[in-house]
N, C-alpha and C. Protein backbone atom coordinates (compact mmCIF):
# COMPACT_ATOMS: atom_id res chain seq x y z
N MET A 1 67.44 115.68 129.95
CA MET A 1 68.47 115.56 128.88
C MET A 1 67.90 114.45 127.95
N VAL A 2 67.64 115.14 126.24
CA VAL A 2 66.89 114.27 125.67
C VAL A 2 68.04 113.00 124.99
N ASN A 3 68.00 111.80 125.28
CA ASN A 3 68.89 110.85 124.67
C ASN A 3 68.65 110.90 122.96
N ILE A 4 69.87 110.73 122.38
CA ILE A 4 70.12 110.40 121.17
C ILE A 4 70.20 109.31 121.18
N LYS A 5 69.62 108.43 119.96
CA LYS A 5 69.58 107.59 119.87
C LYS A 5 71.18 107.05 118.40
N LYS A 6 71.85 106.33 118.66
CA LYS A 6 72.62 105.76 117.77
C LYS A 6 72.05 105.63 116.32
N ILE A 7 73.05 105.84 115.57
CA ILE A 7 72.68 105.99 113.91
C ILE A 7 73.23 104.70 113.27
N PRO A 8 72.39 104.01 113.20
CA PRO A 8 72.46 102.68 112.39
C PRO A 8 73.02 102.39 110.78
N ASN A 9 74.07 101.66 110.22
CA ASN A 9 74.76 101.59 109.19
C ASN A 9 75.34 102.88 108.66
N ILE A 10 75.65 103.69 109.37
CA ILE A 10 76.58 104.98 109.27
C ILE A 10 77.72 104.86 110.03
N SER A 11 78.80 104.99 109.30
CA SER A 11 80.25 105.34 110.37
C SER A 11 80.58 106.99 110.56
N GLY A 12 81.45 107.17 111.39
CA GLY A 12 81.43 108.74 111.54
C GLY A 12 82.99 108.83 111.20
N VAL A 13 83.35 109.94 110.49
CA VAL A 13 84.74 110.04 109.84
C VAL A 13 85.32 111.34 110.48
N VAL A 14 86.11 111.66 110.95
CA VAL A 14 86.50 113.08 111.46
C VAL A 14 88.42 113.13 110.71
N LEU A 15 88.38 114.10 110.38
CA LEU A 15 89.13 114.31 109.24
C LEU A 15 90.32 115.43 110.35
N ALA A 16 91.31 114.85 110.72
CA ALA A 16 92.11 115.82 111.31
C ALA A 16 93.41 115.87 110.89
N GLY A 17 93.99 115.98 109.50
CA GLY A 17 95.09 115.94 109.02
C GLY A 17 95.79 117.31 108.45
N GLY A 18 95.01 118.14 108.91
CA GLY A 18 95.40 119.92 107.97
C GLY A 18 96.43 120.33 109.23
N GLN A 19 97.50 121.32 108.38
CA GLN A 19 98.45 121.68 109.14
C GLN A 19 98.18 123.02 109.89
N SER A 20 96.81 123.36 109.99
CA SER A 20 96.07 124.82 110.61
C SER A 20 97.41 125.89 110.57
N ARG A 21 97.58 126.08 109.03
CA ARG A 21 98.84 126.92 109.31
C ARG A 21 98.12 128.53 109.00
N ARG A 22 96.66 128.67 108.66
CA ARG A 22 96.43 130.05 109.53
C ARG A 22 95.73 130.19 110.75
N MET A 23 95.83 129.08 111.72
CA MET A 23 95.56 129.28 113.10
C MET A 23 96.84 129.83 113.72
N GLY A 24 98.10 129.15 113.25
CA GLY A 24 99.42 129.36 114.00
C GLY A 24 99.48 128.34 114.93
N THR A 25 98.50 127.39 115.31
CA THR A 25 98.87 126.59 116.09
C THR A 25 97.96 125.32 115.66
N ASP A 26 98.23 124.06 116.67
CA ASP A 26 97.51 122.94 116.19
C ASP A 26 96.33 122.82 116.76
N LYS A 27 95.04 123.54 115.54
CA LYS A 27 93.63 123.39 116.10
C LYS A 27 93.59 121.99 117.10
N ARG A 28 93.70 120.93 116.83
CA ARG A 28 93.26 119.92 117.34
C ARG A 28 93.36 120.12 118.76
N ASN A 29 94.78 120.91 118.78
CA ASN A 29 94.44 120.97 120.74
C ASN A 29 93.88 122.23 121.38
N LEU A 30 92.83 123.21 120.68
CA LEU A 30 92.74 124.28 121.11
C LEU A 30 91.22 124.17 122.13
N GLU A 31 91.22 124.79 123.44
CA GLU A 31 90.62 124.60 124.44
C GLU A 31 89.21 124.81 123.97
N TRP A 32 88.23 123.79 124.46
CA TRP A 32 86.87 123.98 123.95
C TRP A 32 86.13 123.29 125.01
N GLY A 33 85.67 124.08 126.28
CA GLY A 33 85.08 123.62 127.42
C GLY A 33 85.28 122.70 128.42
N GLY A 34 86.78 123.00 128.27
CA GLY A 34 87.64 122.25 129.29
C GLY A 34 88.15 120.86 129.01
N THR A 35 88.26 120.90 127.23
CA THR A 35 88.54 119.75 126.37
C THR A 35 89.44 120.55 124.98
N LYS A 36 89.58 119.25 124.34
CA LYS A 36 90.36 119.90 123.10
C LYS A 36 89.26 119.81 122.26
N PHE A 37 89.72 120.60 120.75
CA PHE A 37 88.85 120.58 119.77
C PHE A 37 88.25 118.94 119.54
N LEU A 38 89.67 118.55 118.91
CA LEU A 38 89.55 117.58 118.58
C LEU A 38 88.71 116.02 119.26
N ASP A 39 88.96 116.31 120.52
CA ASP A 39 88.45 114.92 121.58
C ASP A 39 86.89 115.61 121.72
N LYS A 40 86.59 116.98 121.64
CA LYS A 40 85.07 117.26 121.62
C LYS A 40 84.38 116.77 120.52
N VAL A 41 84.99 117.18 118.95
CA VAL A 41 84.57 116.46 118.13
C VAL A 41 84.03 114.66 118.23
N CYS A 42 85.23 114.10 118.29
CA CYS A 42 85.09 112.73 118.42
C CYS A 42 84.28 112.42 119.58
N LEU A 43 84.08 112.84 120.65
CA LEU A 43 83.13 112.47 121.74
C LEU A 43 81.56 112.60 121.37
N THR A 44 81.48 113.61 120.59
CA THR A 44 80.31 114.26 119.94
C THR A 44 80.03 112.94 118.94
N LEU A 45 80.50 112.62 117.81
CA LEU A 45 80.21 111.77 117.04
C LEU A 45 79.82 110.09 117.83
N GLY A 46 80.86 110.20 118.77
CA GLY A 46 80.54 108.64 119.81
C GLY A 46 79.38 108.73 120.22
N GLU A 47 78.45 109.62 120.27
CA GLU A 47 77.17 109.37 120.92
C GLU A 47 76.16 109.07 120.02
N LEU A 48 76.59 109.35 118.72
CA LEU A 48 75.74 109.07 117.10
C LEU A 48 76.04 107.79 116.89
N PHE A 49 77.24 107.27 116.73
CA PHE A 49 77.80 106.32 115.47
C PHE A 49 78.52 105.00 116.61
N ASP A 50 78.57 104.04 116.06
CA ASP A 50 79.29 102.85 116.76
C ASP A 50 80.41 102.87 116.45
N GLU A 51 81.07 103.32 114.72
CA GLU A 51 82.52 103.30 114.66
C GLU A 51 82.77 104.76 114.34
N ILE A 52 83.72 105.24 114.94
CA ILE A 52 84.37 106.46 114.57
C ILE A 52 85.89 105.94 114.00
N ILE A 53 86.06 106.82 112.74
CA ILE A 53 87.31 106.75 112.03
C ILE A 53 87.98 108.06 112.24
N LEU A 54 89.09 107.91 112.71
CA LEU A 54 89.61 109.48 113.03
C LEU A 54 90.99 109.28 111.79
N VAL A 55 90.98 110.39 110.94
CA VAL A 55 91.94 110.21 109.83
C VAL A 55 92.67 111.33 109.94
N THR A 56 94.19 111.00 110.25
CA THR A 56 95.29 112.12 110.08
C THR A 56 96.05 111.59 109.15
N ALA A 57 97.11 112.98 109.00
CA ALA A 57 97.97 112.56 107.82
C ALA A 57 99.51 111.68 108.82
N ILE A 58 99.72 111.72 109.82
CA ILE A 58 100.62 110.76 110.36
C ILE A 58 100.09 110.28 111.83
N GLU A 59 100.50 109.52 112.41
CA GLU A 59 99.92 109.00 113.73
C GLU A 59 100.68 109.93 114.72
N ASP A 60 99.91 111.22 114.92
CA ASP A 60 100.64 112.16 115.67
C ASP A 60 99.67 112.75 116.73
N TYR A 61 98.69 112.01 117.09
CA TYR A 61 97.62 112.65 118.17
C TYR A 61 97.18 111.31 118.97
N PRO A 62 97.74 111.41 120.39
CA PRO A 62 97.23 110.06 121.20
C PRO A 62 95.60 110.40 121.46
N CYS A 63 95.07 109.06 120.94
CA CYS A 63 93.60 109.01 120.94
C CYS A 63 93.07 107.68 121.85
N GLY A 64 94.05 107.49 122.67
CA GLY A 64 93.53 106.11 123.68
C GLY A 64 92.72 106.27 124.55
N HIS A 65 92.00 107.57 124.70
CA HIS A 65 91.07 107.78 125.73
C HIS A 65 89.53 108.11 124.62
N LEU A 66 89.88 108.02 123.08
CA LEU A 66 88.29 108.42 122.61
C LEU A 66 87.93 107.56 122.05
N PRO A 67 86.53 107.41 121.55
CA PRO A 67 86.17 105.82 120.89
C PRO A 67 86.57 105.94 119.71
N VAL A 68 87.56 105.86 118.99
CA VAL A 68 87.80 106.38 117.32
C VAL A 68 88.50 104.89 117.21
N ARG A 69 89.03 105.34 116.02
CA ARG A 69 89.95 103.82 115.32
C ARG A 69 90.72 104.93 114.51
N LEU A 70 92.21 105.30 114.89
CA LEU A 70 92.90 106.08 114.03
C LEU A 70 93.56 105.39 112.72
N VAL A 71 93.52 106.03 111.77
CA VAL A 71 94.12 105.59 110.67
C VAL A 71 94.43 106.82 109.75
N THR A 72 95.94 106.61 109.29
CA THR A 72 96.44 107.60 107.97
C THR A 72 96.11 107.53 106.67
N ASP A 73 96.49 108.73 106.60
CA ASP A 73 95.99 108.98 104.85
C ASP A 73 96.40 107.60 104.04
N ALA A 74 95.68 107.31 102.87
CA ALA A 74 96.01 106.17 102.00
C ALA A 74 96.98 106.85 100.72
N ILE A 75 96.30 107.87 100.75
CA ILE A 75 97.28 108.60 99.60
C ILE A 75 97.54 109.91 100.34
N PRO A 76 98.92 110.16 100.77
CA PRO A 76 99.70 111.59 101.11
C PRO A 76 99.08 112.68 100.64
N HIS A 77 99.12 113.90 101.29
CA HIS A 77 98.98 115.08 100.09
C HIS A 77 97.92 115.50 99.32
N THR A 78 96.78 114.71 99.77
CA THR A 78 95.45 115.12 99.05
C THR A 78 94.38 115.72 99.73
N GLY A 79 94.91 116.47 100.88
CA GLY A 79 93.80 117.27 101.71
C GLY A 79 92.99 116.61 102.15
N SER A 80 91.83 117.28 102.07
CA SER A 80 90.21 116.67 102.64
C SER A 80 89.67 115.69 102.04
N LEU A 81 89.91 115.79 100.56
CA LEU A 81 89.32 114.86 99.85
C LEU A 81 89.89 113.35 100.01
N GLY A 82 91.34 113.47 100.17
CA GLY A 82 92.03 112.26 100.43
C GLY A 82 91.74 111.60 101.52
N GLY A 83 91.33 112.60 102.79
CA GLY A 83 90.92 112.10 104.51
C GLY A 83 89.89 111.47 104.08
N MET A 84 88.72 111.78 103.84
CA MET A 84 87.58 111.44 102.85
C MET A 84 87.59 110.02 102.35
N PHE A 85 88.19 109.73 101.62
CA PHE A 85 88.52 108.86 100.92
C PHE A 85 89.04 107.83 101.42
N THR A 86 90.05 107.97 102.70
CA THR A 86 90.65 106.69 103.41
C THR A 86 89.32 106.81 104.22
N GLY A 87 88.79 107.25 104.96
CA GLY A 87 87.86 107.03 106.03
C GLY A 87 86.73 106.49 105.30
N ILE A 88 86.26 106.83 104.27
CA ILE A 88 85.67 105.76 103.66
C ILE A 88 85.64 104.40 103.02
N LYS A 89 87.07 104.19 102.72
CA LYS A 89 87.53 103.08 102.47
C LYS A 89 87.88 101.99 103.77
N GLU A 90 87.97 102.70 104.89
CA GLU A 90 88.29 102.15 106.38
C GLU A 90 86.73 101.61 107.03
N ALA A 91 85.83 102.45 106.53
CA ALA A 91 84.72 102.04 107.28
C ALA A 91 84.12 100.90 106.88
N SER A 92 83.29 100.06 107.81
CA SER A 92 82.64 98.54 107.85
C SER A 92 81.02 99.25 107.46
N HIS A 93 80.68 100.51 107.73
CA HIS A 93 79.22 100.35 106.90
C HIS A 93 79.06 101.14 105.63
N PRO A 94 77.68 101.03 105.07
CA PRO A 94 77.84 101.35 103.64
C PRO A 94 77.88 103.07 103.38
N SER A 95 77.44 103.53 104.81
CA SER A 95 77.81 104.84 104.39
C SER A 95 78.72 105.58 105.52
N VAL A 96 79.08 106.98 105.22
CA VAL A 96 79.95 107.64 106.47
C VAL A 96 79.29 109.22 106.35
N PHE A 97 79.44 109.69 107.83
CA PHE A 97 78.98 111.11 107.88
C PHE A 97 80.31 111.72 108.16
N VAL A 98 80.75 112.57 107.79
CA VAL A 98 82.42 113.12 107.33
C VAL A 98 82.04 114.53 108.01
N VAL A 99 83.46 114.95 109.29
CA VAL A 99 83.05 115.90 109.42
C VAL A 99 84.52 116.61 109.82
N ALA A 100 85.07 117.85 110.39
CA ALA A 100 86.44 118.20 110.35
C ALA A 100 86.87 118.37 111.68
N CYS A 101 87.61 118.27 112.20
CA CYS A 101 88.26 118.40 113.63
C CYS A 101 88.25 119.44 114.00
N ASP A 102 87.53 120.71 113.30
CA ASP A 102 87.56 122.33 113.95
C ASP A 102 85.87 122.80 114.27
N MET A 103 85.20 121.76 114.18
CA MET A 103 83.42 122.42 114.44
C MET A 103 83.22 122.12 115.65
N PRO A 104 83.34 123.17 116.51
CA PRO A 104 83.04 122.55 118.02
C PRO A 104 81.65 122.94 118.14
N PHE A 105 80.91 123.17 117.37
CA PHE A 105 79.62 123.59 117.68
C PHE A 105 78.54 122.25 117.15
N LEU A 106 79.27 121.02 116.55
CA LEU A 106 78.55 120.27 116.24
C LEU A 106 77.27 119.63 116.83
N ASN A 107 76.16 119.55 116.29
CA ASN A 107 75.09 119.52 116.87
C ASN A 107 74.45 117.96 116.61
N SER A 108 74.40 117.12 117.33
CA SER A 108 73.87 115.76 117.40
C SER A 108 72.29 115.81 116.59
N PHE A 109 71.57 116.70 116.96
CA PHE A 109 70.38 116.62 116.64
C PHE A 109 70.20 117.16 115.02
N VAL A 110 70.98 118.37 114.97
CA VAL A 110 71.46 118.02 113.06
C VAL A 110 71.94 116.90 112.55
N ILE A 111 72.70 116.36 113.20
CA ILE A 111 73.46 115.49 112.41
C ILE A 111 72.65 114.07 112.19
N SER A 112 72.01 113.98 113.42
CA SER A 112 70.90 112.71 113.22
C SER A 112 69.68 113.29 112.14
N ARG A 113 69.35 114.41 112.20
CA ARG A 113 68.45 114.86 111.08
C ARG A 113 68.57 114.73 109.69
N LEU A 114 69.93 114.95 109.48
CA LEU A 114 70.35 114.75 108.16
C LEU A 114 70.80 113.22 107.99
N CYS A 115 71.19 112.57 108.40
CA CYS A 115 71.13 110.76 108.65
C CYS A 115 69.73 110.37 108.28
N ALA A 116 69.10 110.77 109.14
CA ALA A 116 67.56 109.98 108.65
C ALA A 116 66.76 110.38 107.44
N MET A 117 67.66 110.82 106.58
CA MET A 117 67.03 111.56 105.17
C MET A 117 67.10 110.43 104.31
N PRO A 118 66.47 110.04 103.37
CA PRO A 118 66.55 109.24 102.20
C PRO A 118 68.07 108.79 101.80
N ASP A 119 68.19 107.49 101.30
CA ASP A 119 69.90 107.06 100.88
C ASP A 119 70.22 107.73 99.76
N SER A 120 70.99 108.38 99.83
CA SER A 120 71.44 109.07 98.23
C SER A 120 73.16 108.42 98.52
N ASP A 121 74.27 108.85 97.57
CA ASP A 121 75.49 108.88 97.61
C ASP A 121 76.08 110.23 98.07
N VAL A 122 75.56 111.13 97.88
CA VAL A 122 76.07 112.50 98.57
C VAL A 122 74.86 113.09 99.14
N LEU A 123 74.96 113.85 100.56
CA LEU A 123 74.00 114.27 100.81
C LEU A 123 74.76 115.56 101.94
N MET A 124 74.37 116.75 101.07
CA MET A 124 75.50 118.02 101.57
C MET A 124 74.10 119.01 101.72
N VAL A 125 74.57 120.06 102.72
CA VAL A 125 73.83 121.04 103.33
C VAL A 125 74.59 122.31 102.51
N LYS A 126 73.65 123.16 101.73
CA LYS A 126 74.37 123.94 101.05
C LYS A 126 73.48 125.31 101.94
N LEU A 127 74.79 126.32 102.23
CA LEU A 127 74.19 127.44 103.07
C LEU A 127 74.38 128.87 102.03
N SER A 128 74.03 129.91 102.55
CA SER A 128 74.38 130.90 101.70
C SER A 128 75.75 130.94 101.09
N THR A 129 76.63 130.75 102.16
CA THR A 129 78.02 131.00 101.48
C THR A 129 78.41 129.51 100.77
N GLY A 130 77.68 128.80 100.60
CA GLY A 130 78.11 127.60 99.64
C GLY A 130 77.84 125.92 100.40
N TYR A 131 78.15 125.14 99.44
CA TYR A 131 78.32 123.81 100.16
C TYR A 131 79.13 123.37 101.27
N GLN A 132 78.34 122.59 101.97
CA GLN A 132 79.48 122.09 103.43
C GLN A 132 79.71 120.74 103.31
N PRO A 133 80.98 120.54 102.43
CA PRO A 133 81.28 119.32 102.33
C PRO A 133 81.96 118.39 103.40
N LEU A 134 82.21 119.09 104.57
CA LEU A 134 82.79 118.58 105.68
C LEU A 134 81.84 118.47 106.49
N HIS A 135 80.37 118.27 106.28
CA HIS A 135 79.43 117.75 107.31
C HIS A 135 78.26 117.37 106.48
N ALA A 136 78.95 116.48 105.86
CA ALA A 136 77.90 115.41 105.03
C ALA A 136 78.04 114.01 105.10
N ARG A 137 76.75 113.56 104.48
CA ARG A 137 76.93 112.14 104.23
C ARG A 137 77.43 111.48 103.26
N TYR A 138 78.37 110.67 102.71
CA TYR A 138 78.71 110.03 101.66
C TYR A 138 78.54 108.52 101.82
N SER A 139 78.18 107.83 100.49
CA SER A 139 77.99 106.33 100.31
C SER A 139 79.55 105.63 100.33
N LYS A 140 79.80 104.52 99.98
CA LYS A 140 80.70 104.11 99.48
C LYS A 140 80.98 104.04 98.20
N ARG A 141 79.68 104.31 97.65
CA ARG A 141 80.01 104.22 95.81
C ARG A 141 81.09 105.66 95.48
N CYS A 142 81.19 106.51 96.67
CA CYS A 142 81.74 107.85 95.94
C CYS A 142 83.37 107.58 96.20
N SER A 143 83.73 106.02 96.63
CA SER A 143 85.04 106.24 96.86
C SER A 143 85.89 105.78 95.74
N LEU A 144 85.41 105.47 94.48
CA LEU A 144 85.61 105.15 93.30
C LEU A 144 85.76 106.80 92.17
N ILE A 145 85.01 107.56 92.59
CA ILE A 145 84.89 108.71 91.95
C ILE A 145 85.96 109.68 92.76
N MET A 146 85.97 109.39 93.91
CA MET A 146 87.08 110.39 94.86
C MET A 146 88.58 109.80 94.23
N GLU A 147 88.51 108.86 93.91
CA GLU A 147 89.93 108.10 93.94
C GLU A 147 90.41 108.45 92.41
N GLN A 148 89.33 108.88 91.42
CA GLN A 148 89.80 109.07 90.09
C GLN A 148 89.90 110.60 90.12
N MET A 149 89.09 111.35 90.83
CA MET A 149 89.44 112.80 91.24
C MET A 149 90.56 112.74 91.61
N ILE A 150 91.47 112.36 92.75
CA ILE A 150 92.49 112.50 93.09
C ILE A 150 93.80 112.23 91.56
N HIS A 151 93.22 111.16 91.36
CA HIS A 151 94.16 111.03 90.10
C HIS A 151 94.41 112.22 88.95
N ASP A 152 92.91 112.70 88.80
CA ASP A 152 93.35 113.84 87.81
C ASP A 152 93.76 114.76 88.49
N GLY A 153 93.85 115.03 89.80
CA GLY A 153 94.41 115.88 90.55
C GLY A 153 93.57 117.33 90.88
N ASN A 154 91.99 116.48 90.77
CA ASN A 154 90.93 117.37 91.26
C ASN A 154 90.38 117.35 92.81
N LEU A 155 91.10 118.19 93.70
CA LEU A 155 90.51 117.78 94.95
C LEU A 155 89.78 118.45 95.88
N ARG A 156 88.99 119.31 94.74
CA ARG A 156 87.63 119.86 94.89
C ARG A 156 86.38 119.13 95.40
N ILE A 157 86.21 118.81 96.59
CA ILE A 157 85.42 117.49 97.31
C ILE A 157 83.60 118.07 96.80
N GLN A 158 83.51 119.35 96.33
CA GLN A 158 82.05 119.82 95.56
C GLN A 158 81.75 118.87 94.40
N SER A 159 82.93 118.88 93.50
CA SER A 159 82.70 118.23 92.62
C SER A 159 82.02 116.86 92.45
N LEU A 160 81.88 116.25 93.59
CA LEU A 160 80.79 115.45 93.71
C LEU A 160 79.66 115.54 93.43
N VAL A 161 78.94 116.89 94.17
CA VAL A 161 77.88 117.25 93.71
C VAL A 161 77.53 116.95 92.11
N LYS A 162 78.30 117.37 91.53
CA LYS A 162 77.85 117.23 89.89
C LYS A 162 78.29 115.99 89.32
N ASP A 163 78.72 115.22 90.31
CA ASP A 163 79.01 113.73 89.20
C ASP A 163 77.55 113.13 88.68
N PRO A 164 77.56 112.88 87.61
CA PRO A 164 76.20 112.27 87.24
C PRO A 164 76.28 111.01 87.54
N SER A 165 77.39 110.14 87.93
CA SER A 165 76.83 108.86 88.04
C SER A 165 76.56 108.96 89.55
N LEU A 166 76.41 109.48 90.65
CA LEU A 166 76.31 109.70 91.80
C LEU A 166 74.59 110.09 92.10
N SER A 167 74.14 109.71 93.37
CA SER A 167 72.63 110.30 93.49
C SER A 167 73.21 111.30 94.44
N VAL A 168 72.67 112.25 94.39
CA VAL A 168 72.81 113.45 94.96
C VAL A 168 71.52 114.25 95.69
N GLN A 169 71.51 114.68 96.99
CA GLN A 169 70.33 115.25 97.70
C GLN A 169 71.06 116.52 98.03
N VAL A 170 70.52 117.80 97.66
CA VAL A 170 70.96 119.00 98.50
C VAL A 170 70.14 119.33 99.39
N VAL A 171 70.29 119.80 100.70
CA VAL A 171 69.57 120.24 101.38
C VAL A 171 69.71 121.98 101.98
N GLU A 172 68.72 122.73 102.03
CA GLU A 172 69.22 123.95 102.46
C GLU A 172 69.18 124.19 103.82
N GLU A 173 69.93 125.06 104.31
CA GLU A 173 70.01 125.38 106.06
C GLU A 173 68.97 125.59 106.59
N SER A 174 67.54 126.07 105.94
CA SER A 174 66.41 126.50 106.65
C SER A 174 66.18 125.33 107.07
N LEU A 175 66.24 123.86 106.94
CA LEU A 175 65.73 122.75 107.46
C LEU A 175 66.10 122.76 109.12
N PHE A 176 67.06 123.23 109.28
CA PHE A 176 67.73 122.96 110.85
C PHE A 176 67.04 124.26 111.62
N ASP A 177 66.51 125.21 111.00
CA ASP A 177 66.00 126.46 111.76
C ASP A 177 65.59 126.43 113.25
N ASP A 178 64.90 125.32 113.40
CA ASP A 178 64.35 125.01 114.54
C ASP A 178 65.35 124.50 116.03
N ILE A 179 66.35 123.70 115.13
CA ILE A 179 67.36 123.35 116.33
C ILE A 179 68.69 123.74 116.13
N ASP A 180 69.08 124.72 115.14
CA ASP A 180 70.16 125.53 115.14
C ASP A 180 70.29 126.74 114.10
N PRO A 181 69.32 127.76 114.58
CA PRO A 181 68.77 128.63 114.34
C PRO A 181 70.12 129.54 113.89
N HIS A 182 71.03 129.80 114.08
CA HIS A 182 72.67 130.45 114.36
C HIS A 182 73.16 129.84 113.07
N GLY A 183 72.99 128.61 112.64
CA GLY A 183 74.03 127.66 111.93
C GLY A 183 75.28 127.51 112.31
N TYR A 184 75.36 127.35 113.88
CA TYR A 184 76.69 127.48 114.04
C TYR A 184 77.36 125.83 114.09
N SER A 185 76.77 124.80 113.56
CA SER A 185 76.79 123.55 113.86
C SER A 185 77.94 123.25 112.65
N PHE A 186 77.77 124.29 111.46
CA PHE A 186 78.46 124.40 110.46
C PHE A 186 79.94 125.02 110.42
N LEU A 187 80.00 125.86 111.35
CA LEU A 187 81.05 126.49 111.68
C LEU A 187 82.53 125.80 111.82
N ASN A 188 83.47 126.23 111.13
CA ASN A 188 84.87 126.03 111.09
C ASN A 188 85.73 126.93 111.53
N ILE A 189 86.69 126.69 112.61
CA ILE A 189 87.42 127.54 113.12
C ILE A 189 88.82 127.41 112.29
N ASN A 190 89.29 128.19 111.21
CA ASN A 190 90.53 128.44 110.87
C ASN A 190 91.28 129.46 111.02
N THR A 191 90.90 130.42 111.80
CA THR A 191 91.92 131.39 112.41
C THR A 191 91.82 131.89 113.74
N PRO A 192 92.51 132.79 114.27
CA PRO A 192 92.52 133.10 115.61
C PRO A 192 91.10 134.20 115.97
N SER A 193 91.19 134.95 114.68
CA SER A 193 89.74 135.74 114.64
C SER A 193 88.38 134.66 114.82
N ASP A 194 88.57 133.55 113.76
CA ASP A 194 87.42 132.65 114.13
C ASP A 194 87.48 131.87 115.39
N TYR A 195 88.27 131.93 116.15
CA TYR A 195 88.31 130.89 117.65
C TYR A 195 87.60 131.97 118.46
N GLU A 196 87.90 133.27 118.05
CA GLU A 196 87.67 134.06 119.43
C GLU A 196 86.00 134.38 118.94
N PHE A 197 85.66 134.57 117.93
CA PHE A 197 84.22 134.55 117.45
C PHE A 197 83.57 133.56 117.97
N ALA A 198 83.50 132.14 117.88
CA ALA A 198 83.47 130.78 118.64
C ALA A 198 83.27 130.77 120.24
N ARG A 199 84.21 131.54 120.59
CA ARG A 199 84.26 131.45 122.24
C ARG A 199 83.28 132.49 122.52
N LYS A 200 83.07 133.61 122.12
CA LYS A 200 82.18 134.63 122.14
C LYS A 200 80.61 134.08 121.75
N ALA A 201 80.50 133.29 120.93
CA ALA A 201 79.30 132.85 120.56
C ALA A 201 78.73 131.89 121.66
N ALA A 202 79.89 130.99 121.80
CA ALA A 202 79.65 130.22 123.12
C ALA A 202 79.01 130.51 124.50
N SER A 203 79.74 131.73 124.69
CA SER A 203 79.18 132.30 125.84
C SER A 203 77.98 132.77 125.81
N HIS A 204 77.52 133.35 124.53
CA HIS A 204 75.96 133.77 124.74
C HIS A 204 74.67 132.75 124.60
N LEU A 205 75.35 131.46 124.37
CA LEU A 205 74.32 130.36 124.05
C LEU A 205 74.19 129.76 125.51
N LYS A 206 74.91 130.19 126.57
CA LYS A 206 74.97 129.71 128.18
C LYS A 206 73.74 130.22 128.43
């Protein structure tokens, strides 16, 4: 087993406020490797960061057994952008690494490699399918831009990439070919068919 070093000066943020409409059941409680989706995500980040902030819409998830601090959306009904804004405002470190609660293949080595890259306000991976804003690093400076975006009714996180006041790094998925050749670490589970695909993929990886 290779030891993973704690990543300094970055807080982990887990967004877990979605309503799971397409799944039909609360994604946070889906079974994954003998635990729950959300627990798996929080425990993975707990190996990497000394501060984990779990952002939910309301206090509806028991997390006393997890290495997290639970907070609720500072600005309700503003989607993932609002959750990110809350996480960044609550973080004690100058940057955060944000993930969603429905990413069962989070890869500690991928996250470590991303977080070791030079400082910037936005560090985001771009796959062939588009940007990955919920597996990305953001500086505290982004909070002011996010707050203005929310005020303007623009909840598209990807808009941060084009903001001229922010320093932005975009990296290609090929950067991780040696440690995540299938790109599974970026996989979100939104529907029952996504869940079935992920379970089959996991069985092939064993």
